[in-house]
Amino acid sequence: MTKSNNDHIRQHVRDRYAGIAKSGGSCGCCQPDALLNPDTSVQIGYSREELAAAPEGANMGLGCGNPQAIAALQPGETVVDLGCGGGFDCFLAARRVGKNGRVIGVDMTPEMVHKARGNAAKGKIKNVDFRLGEIEHLPVANATADVILSNCVINLSPDKSQVFADAFRVLKPGGRLAISDVVAIAPIPAKVKKNLQAHSGCIAGSASVSQTKRMLKKTGFSKIRIRVNEQSKTFIKDWFPGSGAEKYIRSATIEAVKNGGKP
């Protein structure tokens, strides 16, 4: 893609999620509104205890899995969440890392950052910090994070290689990725790939498992593990009705490690 095309995609995604932040609802094709139907978030992997723990309004129903389940977060760790939205995963992570840990949420949509900061104030959660920025160019210093989380966001980027490269930069040696996202299991039809609504709906920008592995390996990550959730087709079919999305994408967990930590 050309730079102008990439910028066009980013602006469309930014505009769409700004609207979601203002309305307080979901995008309509990246999950039904979890605020109105908590069972949706339970279906993709969150416990009812987790749903109850976050401030009201933080869970906007925009995920495709639960990255907390694979993150193995420990007290005192520093976590960076790519595409934090209203802060839902940040607040869950903040509980796990405790008062000696910290969580940095990054989102390119000012309205989402504003919403996340409001949710943090409402919940009196002190060990979180929300920053405006693109996930391809994180506003975070080198070797800051023990763990990088992301939930159904990297597929929205038109430059995924750069996302992984900057994640690698921000991770400490031995740091790890814990990502829930969507992957392509079959070729995505050209008409769908060209549809900006399908792109911002977490469908058109999906990379394949092999493409994702290549990008991670080229960046320098090791211990790469991608697990496809075949059951996800039951909710993916509702994301973009009529597109047949369930035929060519699935949710998946993506794990990898930046070498150089303690053996």
C-alpha atoms as a PDB file:
ATOM      1  CA  MET A   1       0.000   0.000   0.000  1.00  0.00           C
ATOM      2  CA  THR A   2       1.084   3.578  -0.601  1.00  0.00           C
ATOM      3  CA  LYS A   3       1.536   6.043   2.242  1.00  0.00           C
ATOM      4  CA  SER A   4      -1.557   7.970   1.133  1.00  0.00           C
ATOM      5  CA  ASN A   5      -3.642   4.784   1.167  1.00  0.00           C
ATOM      6  CA  ASN A   6      -2.333   3.923   4.639  1.00  0.00           C
ATOM      7  CA  ASP A   7      -3.216   7.382   5.903  1.00  0.00           C
ATOM      8  CA  HIS A   8      -6.683   7.099   4.365  1.00  0.00           C
ATOM      9  CA  ILE A   9      -7.274   3.810   6.185  1.00  0.00           C
ATOM     10  CA  ARG A  10      -6.003   5.211   9.490  1.00  0.00           C
ATOM     11  CA  GLN A  11      -8.245   8.252   9.219  1.00  0.00           C
ATOM     12  CA  HIS A  12     -11.278   6.101   8.483  1.00  0.00           C
ATOM     13  CA  VAL A  13     -10.515   3.886  11.489  1.00  0.00           C
ATOM     14  CA  ARG A  14      -9.910   6.951  13.684  1.00  0.00           C
ATOM     15  CA  ASP A  15     -13.206   8.534  12.630  1.00  0.00           C
ATOM     16  CA  ARG A  16     -15.158   5.362  13.205  1.00  0.00           C
ATOM     17  CA  TYR A  17     -13.803   4.722  16.678  1.00  0.00           C
ATOM     18  CA  ALA A  18     -14.215   8.369  17.628  1.00  0.00           C
ATOM     19  CA  GLY A  19     -17.900   7.879  16.912  1.00  0.00           C
ATOM     20  CA  ILE A  20     -17.974   4.737  19.021  1.00  0.00           C
ATOM     21  CA  ALA A  21     -16.318   6.554  21.919  1.00  0.00           C
ATOM     22  CA  LYS A  22     -18.850   9.377  21.724  1.00  0.00           C
ATOM     23  CA  SER A  23     -21.821   7.015  21.566  1.00  0.00           C
ATOM     24  CA  GLY A  24     -20.478   4.652  24.220  1.00  0.00           C
ATOM     25  CA  GLY A  25     -21.447   1.636  22.112  1.00  0.00           C
ATOM     26  CA  SER A  26     -19.655  -0.916  19.995  1.00  0.00           C
ATOM     27  CA  CYS A  27     -18.755  -0.704  16.330  1.00  0.00           C
ATOM     28  CA  GLY A  28     -21.563  -3.019  15.327  1.00  0.00           C
ATOM     29  CA  CYS A  29     -19.287  -5.514  13.606  1.00  0.00           C
ATOM     30  CA  CYS A  30     -16.479  -5.935  16.162  1.00  0.00           C
ATOM     31  CA  GLN A  31     -18.922  -7.523  18.633  1.00  0.00           C
ATOM     32  CA  PRO A  32     -22.423  -6.625  19.734  1.00  0.00           C
ATOM     33  CA  ASP A  33     -22.459  -4.092  22.570  1.00  0.00           C
ATOM     34  CA  ALA A  34     -21.098  -5.868  25.644  1.00  0.00           C
ATOM     35  CA  LEU A  35     -22.613  -3.203  27.872  1.00  0.00           C
ATOM     36  CA  LEU A  36     -26.037  -4.370  26.799  1.00  0.00           C
ATOM     37  CA  ASN A  37     -25.123  -8.049  26.558  1.00  0.00           C
ATOM     38  CA  PRO A  38     -22.418  -9.150  29.023  1.00  0.00           C
ATOM     39  CA  ASP A  39     -22.663 -12.708  27.712  1.00  0.00           C
ATOM     40  CA  THR A  40     -20.852 -11.530  24.574  1.00  0.00           C
ATOM     41  CA  SER A  41     -17.674 -10.810  26.531  1.00  0.00           C
ATOM     42  CA  VAL A  42     -18.046 -14.087  28.405  1.00  0.00           C
ATOM     43  CA  GLN A  43     -18.274 -15.820  25.029  1.00  0.00           C
ATOM     44  CA  ILE A  44     -14.921 -14.416  23.891  1.00  0.00           C
ATOM     45  CA  GLY A  45     -13.126 -15.402  27.099  1.00  0.00           C
ATOM     46  CA  TYR A  46     -13.705 -12.959  29.953  1.00  0.00           C
ATOM     47  CA  SER A  47     -15.017 -14.103  33.318  1.00  0.00           C
ATOM     48  CA  ARG A  48     -17.966 -12.413  34.976  1.00  0.00           C
ATOM     49  CA  GLU A  49     -15.597 -11.419  37.782  1.00  0.00           C
ATOM     50  CA  GLU A  50     -13.438  -9.551  35.250  1.00  0.00           C
ATOM     51  CA  LEU A  51     -16.465  -7.833  33.744  1.00  0.00           C
ATOM     52  CA  ALA A  52     -17.579  -6.687  37.187  1.00  0.00           C
ATOM     53  CA  ALA A  53     -14.099  -5.434  38.142  1.00  0.00           C
ATOM     54  CA  ALA A  54     -13.761  -2.749  35.459  1.00  0.00           C
ATOM     55  CA  PRO A  55     -15.354   0.705  35.789  1.00  0.00           C
ATOM     56  CA  GLU A  56     -18.769   1.044  34.195  1.00  0.00           C
ATOM     57  CA  GLY A  57     -18.409   2.035  30.548  1.00  0.00           C
ATOM     58  CA  ALA A  58     -14.893   0.631  30.098  1.00  0.00           C
ATOM     59  CA  ASN A  59     -16.041  -2.581  28.427  1.00  0.00           C
ATOM     60  CA  MET A  60     -17.222  -1.391  25.025  1.00  0.00           C
ATOM     61  CA  GLY A  61     -17.499  -4.795  23.394  1.00  0.00           C
ATOM     62  CA  LEU A  62     -14.666  -4.238  20.904  1.00  0.00           C
ATOM     63  CA  GLY A  63     -12.516  -7.324  21.471  1.00  0.00           C
ATOM     64  CA  CYS A  64     -12.201 -10.769  19.924  1.00  0.00           C
ATOM     65  CA  GLY A  65     -10.613 -12.592  22.879  1.00  0.00           C
ATOM     66  CA  ASN A  66      -9.079 -12.111  26.314  1.00  0.00           C
ATOM     67  CA  PRO A  67      -5.337 -11.350  26.200  1.00  0.00           C
ATOM     68  CA  GLN A  68      -5.243 -11.402  30.014  1.00  0.00           C
ATOM     69  CA  ALA A  69      -5.697 -15.170  29.827  1.00  0.00           C
ATOM     70  CA  ILE A  70      -2.302 -15.657  28.155  1.00  0.00           C
ATOM     71  CA  ALA A  71      -0.377 -12.720  29.631  1.00  0.00           C
ATOM     72  CA  ALA A  72       0.526 -14.318  33.001  1.00  0.00           C
ATOM     73  CA  LEU A  73       0.867 -10.843  34.497  1.00  0.00           C
ATOM     74  CA  GLN A  74       2.826 -10.545  37.724  1.00  0.00           C
ATOM     75  CA  PRO A  75       2.824  -7.927  40.506  1.00  0.00           C
ATOM     76  CA  GLY A  76       5.184  -5.055  39.744  1.00  0.00           C
ATOM     77  CA  GLU A  77       5.262  -5.519  35.966  1.00  0.00           C
ATOM     78  CA  THR A  78       4.861  -2.731  33.425  1.00  0.00           C
ATOM     79  CA  VAL A  79       2.260  -3.343  30.724  1.00  0.00           C
ATOM     80  CA  VAL A  80       1.590  -1.469  27.477  1.00  0.00           C
ATOM     81  CA  ASP A  81      -1.796  -1.959  25.788  1.00  0.00           C
ATOM     82  CA  LEU A  82      -1.920  -1.249  22.044  1.00  0.00           C
ATOM     83  CA  GLY A  83      -5.223   0.334  21.031  1.00  0.00           C
ATOM     84  CA  CYS A  84      -6.588   0.616  24.560  1.00  0.00           C
ATOM     85  CA  GLY A  85     -10.026   1.982  23.664  1.00  0.00           C
ATOM     86  CA  GLY A  86     -12.016   2.761  26.807  1.00  0.00           C
ATOM     87  CA  GLY A  87      -9.371   1.090  28.953  1.00  0.00           C
ATOM     88  CA  PHE A  88     -11.049  -2.232  29.753  1.00  0.00           C
ATOM     89  CA  ASP A  89      -7.973  -4.460  29.397  1.00  0.00           C
ATOM     90  CA  CYS A  90      -5.801  -1.794  31.052  1.00  0.00           C
ATOM     91  CA  PHE A  91      -7.967  -1.812  34.158  1.00  0.00           C
ATOM     92  CA  LEU A  92      -7.905  -5.602  34.388  1.00  0.00           C
ATOM     93  CA  ALA A  93      -4.124  -5.560  33.957  1.00  0.00           C
ATOM     94  CA  ALA A  94      -3.796  -2.848  36.619  1.00  0.00           C
ATOM     95  CA  ARG A  95      -5.402  -5.181  39.164  1.00  0.00           C
ATOM     96  CA  ARG A  96      -2.923  -7.935  38.345  1.00  0.00           C
ATOM     97  CA  VAL A  97       0.267  -5.855  38.420  1.00  0.00           C
ATOM     98  CA  GLY A  98      -0.768  -4.096  41.619  1.00  0.00           C
ATOM     99  CA  LYS A  99       0.268  -0.761  43.087  1.00  0.00           C
ATOM    100  CA  ASN A 100       3.942  -1.380  42.298  1.00  0.00           C
ATOM    101  CA  GLY A 101       3.207  -2.060  38.646  1.00  0.00           C
ATOM    102  CA  ARG A 102       1.873   0.237  35.977  1.00  0.00           C
ATOM    103  CA  VAL A 103      -0.148   0.072  32.789  1.00  0.00           C
ATOM    104  CA  ILE A 104       0.190   2.379  29.783  1.00  0.00           C
ATOM    105  CA  GLY A 105      -2.680   2.442  27.317  1.00  0.00           C
ATOM    106  CA  VAL A 106      -2.099   3.879  23.840  1.00  0.00           C
ATOM    107  CA  ASP A 107      -4.831   4.835  21.374  1.00  0.00           C
ATOM    108  CA  MET A 108      -4.757   7.039  18.266  1.00  0.00           C
ATOM    109  CA  THR A 109      -8.276   8.370  18.853  1.00  0.00           C
ATOM    110  CA  PRO A 110      -8.466  11.416  21.153  1.00  0.00           C
ATOM    111  CA  GLU A 111     -12.043  10.579  22.090  1.00  0.00           C
ATOM    112  CA  MET A 112     -11.033   7.102  23.278  1.00  0.00           C
ATOM    113  CA  VAL A 113      -8.130   8.452  25.344  1.00  0.00           C
ATOM    114  CA  HIS A 114     -10.490  10.986  26.922  1.00  0.00           C
ATOM    115  CA  LYS A 115     -12.984   8.227  27.705  1.00  0.00           C
ATOM    116  CA  ALA A 116     -10.317   5.949  29.188  1.00  0.00           C
ATOM    117  CA  ARG A 117      -8.989   8.725  31.421  1.00  0.00           C
ATOM    118  CA  GLY A 118     -12.521   9.433  32.606  1.00  0.00           C
ATOM    119  CA  ASN A 119     -13.069   5.762  33.362  1.00  0.00           C
ATOM    120  CA  ALA A 120      -9.816   5.655  35.356  1.00  0.00           C
ATOM    121  CA  ALA A 121     -10.925   8.654  37.409  1.00  0.00           C
ATOM    122  CA  LYS A 122     -14.346   7.124  37.939  1.00  0.00           C
ATOM    123  CA  GLY A 123     -12.790   3.875  39.157  1.00  0.00           C
ATOM    124  CA  LYS A 124     -10.076   5.676  41.181  1.00  0.00           C
ATOM    125  CA  ILE A 125      -7.441   3.581  39.425  1.00  0.00           C
ATOM    126  CA  LYS A 126      -4.059   5.224  39.927  1.00  0.00           C
ATOM    127  CA  ASN A 127      -1.554   2.892  38.229  1.00  0.00           C
ATOM    128  CA  VAL A 128      -2.754   3.524  34.667  1.00  0.00           C
ATOM    129  CA  ASP A 129      -1.635   6.133  32.148  1.00  0.00           C
ATOM    130  CA  PHE A 130      -3.408   6.757  28.850  1.00  0.00           C
ATOM    131  CA  ARG A 131      -1.489   8.299  25.946  1.00  0.00           C
ATOM    132  CA  LEU A 132      -2.495   9.499  22.485  1.00  0.00           C
ATOM    133  CA  GLY A 133      -0.473   7.909  19.706  1.00  0.00           C
ATOM    134  CA  GLU A 134      -0.346   5.450  16.817  1.00  0.00           C
ATOM    135  CA  ILE A 135       0.594   1.873  17.614  1.00  0.00           C
ATOM    136  CA  GLU A 136       3.143   1.977  14.785  1.00  0.00           C
ATOM    137  CA  HIS A 137       4.978   4.766  16.646  1.00  0.00           C
ATOM    138  CA  LEU A 138       4.330   4.292  20.342  1.00  0.00           C
ATOM    139  CA  PRO A 139       4.787   7.252  22.714  1.00  0.00           C
ATOM    140  CA  VAL A 140       6.731   4.979  25.055  1.00  0.00           C
ATOM    141  CA  ALA A 141      10.474   4.837  25.777  1.00  0.00           C
ATOM    142  CA  ASN A 142      12.727   1.966  24.738  1.00  0.00           C
ATOM    143  CA  ALA A 143      12.759  -1.144  26.957  1.00  0.00           C
ATOM    144  CA  THR A 144       9.846   0.007  29.129  1.00  0.00           C
ATOM    145  CA  ALA A 145       7.391  -2.905  29.083  1.00  0.00           C
ATOM    146  CA  ASP A 146       7.474  -6.384  30.537  1.00  0.00           C
ATOM    147  CA  VAL A 147       4.341  -7.252  28.584  1.00  0.00           C
ATOM    148  CA  ILE A 148       2.528  -5.835  25.573  1.00  0.00           C
ATOM    149  CA  LEU A 149      -1.187  -6.526  25.312  1.00  0.00           C
ATOM    150  CA  SER A 150      -3.542  -5.880  22.422  1.00  0.00           C
ATOM    151  CA  ASN A 151      -7.094  -6.951  21.689  1.00  0.00           C
ATOM    152  CA  CYS A 152      -8.366  -6.997  18.092  1.00  0.00           C
ATOM    153  CA  VAL A 153      -6.453  -3.858  17.078  1.00  0.00           C
ATOM    154  CA  ILE A 154      -3.318  -4.811  15.125  1.00  0.00           C
ATOM    155  CA  ASN A 155      -5.494  -6.039  12.235  1.00  0.00           C
ATOM    156  CA  LEU A 156      -6.641  -2.416  11.834  1.00  0.00           C
ATOM    157  CA  SER A 157      -3.111  -1.206  11.092  1.00  0.00           C
ATOM    158  CA  PRO A 158      -2.049  -0.952   7.434  1.00  0.00           C
ATOM    159  CA  ASP A 159       1.600  -1.402   8.546  1.00  0.00           C
ATOM    160  CA  LYS A 160       1.673  -4.407  10.862  1.00  0.00           C
ATOM    161  CA  SER A 161       5.416  -4.949  10.444  1.00  0.00           C
ATOM    162  CA  GLN A 162       6.003  -1.503  11.933  1.00  0.00           C
ATOM    163  CA  VAL A 163       3.620  -2.288  14.808  1.00  0.00           C
ATOM    164  CA  PHE A 164       5.650  -5.361  15.718  1.00  0.00           C
ATOM    165  CA  ALA A 165       8.941  -3.484  15.258  1.00  0.00           C
ATOM    166  CA  ASP A 166       7.885  -0.750  17.665  1.00  0.00           C
ATOM    167  CA  ALA A 167       6.499  -3.279  20.133  1.00  0.00           C
ATOM    168  CA  PHE A 168       9.917  -4.967  20.051  1.00  0.00           C
ATOM    169  CA  ARG A 169      11.590  -1.620  20.762  1.00  0.00           C
ATOM    170  CA  VAL A 170       9.334  -0.894  23.741  1.00  0.00           C
ATOM    171  CA  LEU A 171       9.705  -4.346  25.336  1.00  0.00           C
ATOM    172  CA  LYS A 172      12.456  -5.052  27.832  1.00  0.00           C
ATOM    173  CA  PRO A 173      14.804  -7.954  27.025  1.00  0.00           C
ATOM    174  CA  GLY A 174      12.812 -11.043  27.923  1.00  0.00           C
ATOM    175  CA  GLY A 175       9.546  -9.128  27.529  1.00  0.00           C
ATOM    176  CA  ARG A 176       6.573 -10.807  25.935  1.00  0.00           C
ATOM    177  CA  LEU A 177       3.638 -10.226  23.614  1.00  0.00           C
ATOM    178  CA  ALA A 178       0.150 -11.366  24.655  1.00  0.00           C
ATOM    179  CA  ILE A 179      -2.243 -10.521  21.845  1.00  0.00           C
ATOM    180  CA  SER A 180      -5.782 -11.443  20.858  1.00  0.00           C
ATOM    181  CA  ASP A 181      -6.507 -10.593  17.242  1.00  0.00           C
ATOM    182  CA  VAL A 182      -8.000 -11.940  14.045  1.00  0.00           C
ATOM    183  CA  VAL A 183      -6.124 -13.852  11.355  1.00  0.00           C
ATOM    184  CA  ALA A 184      -7.042 -14.876   7.834  1.00  0.00           C
ATOM    185  CA  ILE A 185      -7.455 -18.619   7.314  1.00  0.00           C
ATOM    186  CA  ALA A 186      -8.369 -18.250   3.625  1.00  0.00           C
ATOM    187  CA  PRO A 187      -7.979 -15.517   0.990  1.00  0.00           C
ATOM    188  CA  ILE A 188     -10.149 -12.489   1.766  1.00  0.00           C
ATOM    189  CA  PRO A 189     -12.235 -11.493  -1.288  1.00  0.00           C
ATOM    190  CA  ALA A 190     -10.927  -8.413  -3.096  1.00  0.00           C
ATOM    191  CA  LYS A 191     -14.234  -6.556  -2.731  1.00  0.00           C
ATOM    192  CA  VAL A 192     -14.073  -7.042   1.031  1.00  0.00           C
ATOM    193  CA  LYS A 193     -10.420  -5.945   1.252  1.00  0.00           C
ATOM    194  CA  LYS A 194     -11.333  -2.709  -0.551  1.00  0.00           C
ATOM    195  CA  ASN A 195     -14.271  -2.001   1.753  1.00  0.00           C
ATOM    196  CA  LEU A 196     -13.273   0.540   4.419  1.00  0.00           C
ATOM    197  CA  GLN A 197     -16.207  -0.475   6.608  1.00  0.00           C
ATOM    198  CA  ALA A 198     -14.937  -4.056   6.550  1.00  0.00           C
ATOM    199  CA  HIS A 199     -11.468  -2.800   7.408  1.00  0.00           C
ATOM    200  CA  SER A 200     -12.578  -0.816  10.445  1.00  0.00           C
ATOM    201  CA  GLY A 201     -14.812  -3.778  11.301  1.00  0.00           C
ATOM    202  CA  CYS A 202     -11.762  -5.980  11.993  1.00  0.00           C
ATOM    203  CA  ILE A 203     -12.092  -8.092   8.839  1.00  0.00           C
ATOM    204  CA  ALA A 204     -10.406  -6.715   5.722  1.00  0.00           C
ATOM    205  CA  GLY A 205      -7.006  -6.038   7.300  1.00  0.00           C
ATOM    206  CA  SER A 206      -6.425  -9.497   8.753  1.00  0.00           C
ATOM    207  CA  ALA A 207      -3.044 -11.092   8.024  1.00  0.00           C
ATOM    208  CA  SER A 208      -2.650 -14.854   7.737  1.00  0.00           C
ATOM    209  CA  VAL A 209      -1.008 -16.985  10.416  1.00  0.00           C
ATOM    210  CA  SER A 210       2.059 -17.533   8.222  1.00  0.00           C
ATOM    211  CA  GLN A 211       2.354 -13.813   7.415  1.00  0.00           C
ATOM    212  CA  THR A 212       2.118 -12.945  11.101  1.00  0.00           C
ATOM    213  CA  LYS A 213       4.780 -15.490  12.033  1.00  0.00           C
ATOM    214  CA  ARG A 214       7.102 -14.140   9.336  1.00  0.00           C
ATOM    215  CA  MET A 215       6.689 -10.564  10.540  1.00  0.00           C
ATOM    216  CA  LEU A 216       7.361 -11.527  14.153  1.00  0.00           C
ATOM    217  CA  LYS A 217      10.384 -13.641  13.277  1.00  0.00           C
ATOM    218  CA  LYS A 218      11.845 -10.952  11.014  1.00  0.00           C
ATOM    219  CA  THR A 219      11.438  -8.404  13.810  1.00  0.00           C
ATOM    220  CA  GLY A 220      13.474 -10.592  16.149  1.00  0.00           C
ATOM    221  CA  PHE A 221      10.843 -12.288  18.288  1.00  0.00           C
ATOM    222  CA  SER A 222      11.251 -15.904  19.393  1.00  0.00           C
ATOM    223  CA  LYS A 223       9.001 -18.527  21.008  1.00  0.00           C
ATOM    224  CA  ILE A 224       6.266 -17.485  18.592  1.00  0.00           C
ATOM    225  CA  ARG A 225       2.976 -19.240  19.182  1.00  0.00           C
ATOM    226  CA  ILE A 226      -0.271 -18.562  17.337  1.00  0.00           C
ATOM    227  CA  ARG A 227      -3.374 -20.501  18.296  1.00  0.00           C
ATOM    228  CA  VAL A 228      -6.469 -20.173  16.116  1.00  0.00           C
ATOM    229  CA  ASN A 229      -9.855 -20.333  17.818  1.00  0.00           C
ATOM    230  CA  GLU A 230     -12.093 -22.258  15.433  1.00  0.00           C
ATOM    231  CA  GLN A 231     -15.121 -21.634  17.639  1.00  0.00           C
ATOM    232  CA  SER A 232     -14.827 -17.905  16.948  1.00  0.00           C
ATOM    233  CA  LYS A 233     -16.656 -18.342  13.645  1.00  0.00           C
ATOM    234  CA  THR A 234     -19.890 -18.445  15.668  1.00  0.00           C
ATOM    235  CA  PHE A 235     -19.584 -14.776  16.611  1.00  0.00           C
ATOM    236  CA  ILE A 236     -17.520 -13.560  13.628  1.00  0.00           C
ATOM    237  CA  LYS A 237     -20.421 -14.322  11.298  1.00  0.00           C
ATOM    238  CA  ASP A 238     -22.328 -11.460  12.914  1.00  0.00           C
ATOM    239  CA  TRP A 239     -19.575  -8.861  12.548  1.00  0.00           C
ATOM    240  CA  PHE A 240     -20.189  -7.853   8.948  1.00  0.00           C
ATOM    241  CA  PRO A 241     -23.428  -9.503   7.813  1.00  0.00           C
ATOM    242  CA  GLY A 242     -23.431 -10.748   4.249  1.00  0.00           C
ATOM    243  CA  SER A 243     -19.654 -10.706   3.868  1.00  0.00           C
ATOM    244  CA  GLY A 244     -19.126 -14.378   4.733  1.00  0.00           C
ATOM    245  CA  ALA A 245     -16.378 -13.306   7.167  1.00  0.00           C
ATOM    246  CA  GLU A 246     -16.668 -16.576   9.086  1.00  0.00           C
ATOM    247  CA  LYS A 247     -15.353 -18.381   5.991  1.00  0.00           C
ATOM    248  CA  TYR A 248     -11.996 -16.629   5.970  1.00  0.00           C
ATOM    249  CA  ILE A 249     -11.134 -15.154   9.383  1.00  0.00           C
ATOM    250  CA  ARG A 250     -10.837 -16.445  12.930  1.00  0.00           C
ATOM    251  CA  SER A 251      -9.787 -14.977  16.230  1.00  0.00           C
ATOM    252  CA  ALA A 252      -6.413 -16.136  17.533  1.00  0.00           C
ATOM    253  CA  THR A 253      -3.982 -15.665  20.390  1.00  0.00           C
ATOM    254  CA  ILE A 254      -0.485 -14.506  19.472  1.00  0.00           C
ATOM    255  CA  GLU A 255       2.437 -14.959  21.854  1.00  0.00           C
ATOM    256  CA  ALA A 256       6.127 -14.163  21.390  1.00  0.00           C
ATOM    257  CA  VAL A 257       9.200 -13.200  23.424  1.00  0.00           C
ATOM    258  CA  LYS A 258      11.966 -10.657  22.965  1.00  0.00           C
ATOM    259  CA  ASN A 259      15.226 -12.486  23.644  1.00  0.00           C
ATOM    260  CA  GLY A 260      17.769 -11.264  26.139  1.00  0.00           C
ATOM    261  CA  GLY A 261      16.121 -11.777  29.509  1.00  0.00           C
ATOM    262  CA  LYS A 262      17.218 -13.968  32.385  1.00  0.00           C
ATOM    263  CA  PRO A 263      17.474 -17.657  31.452  1.00  0.00           C
END
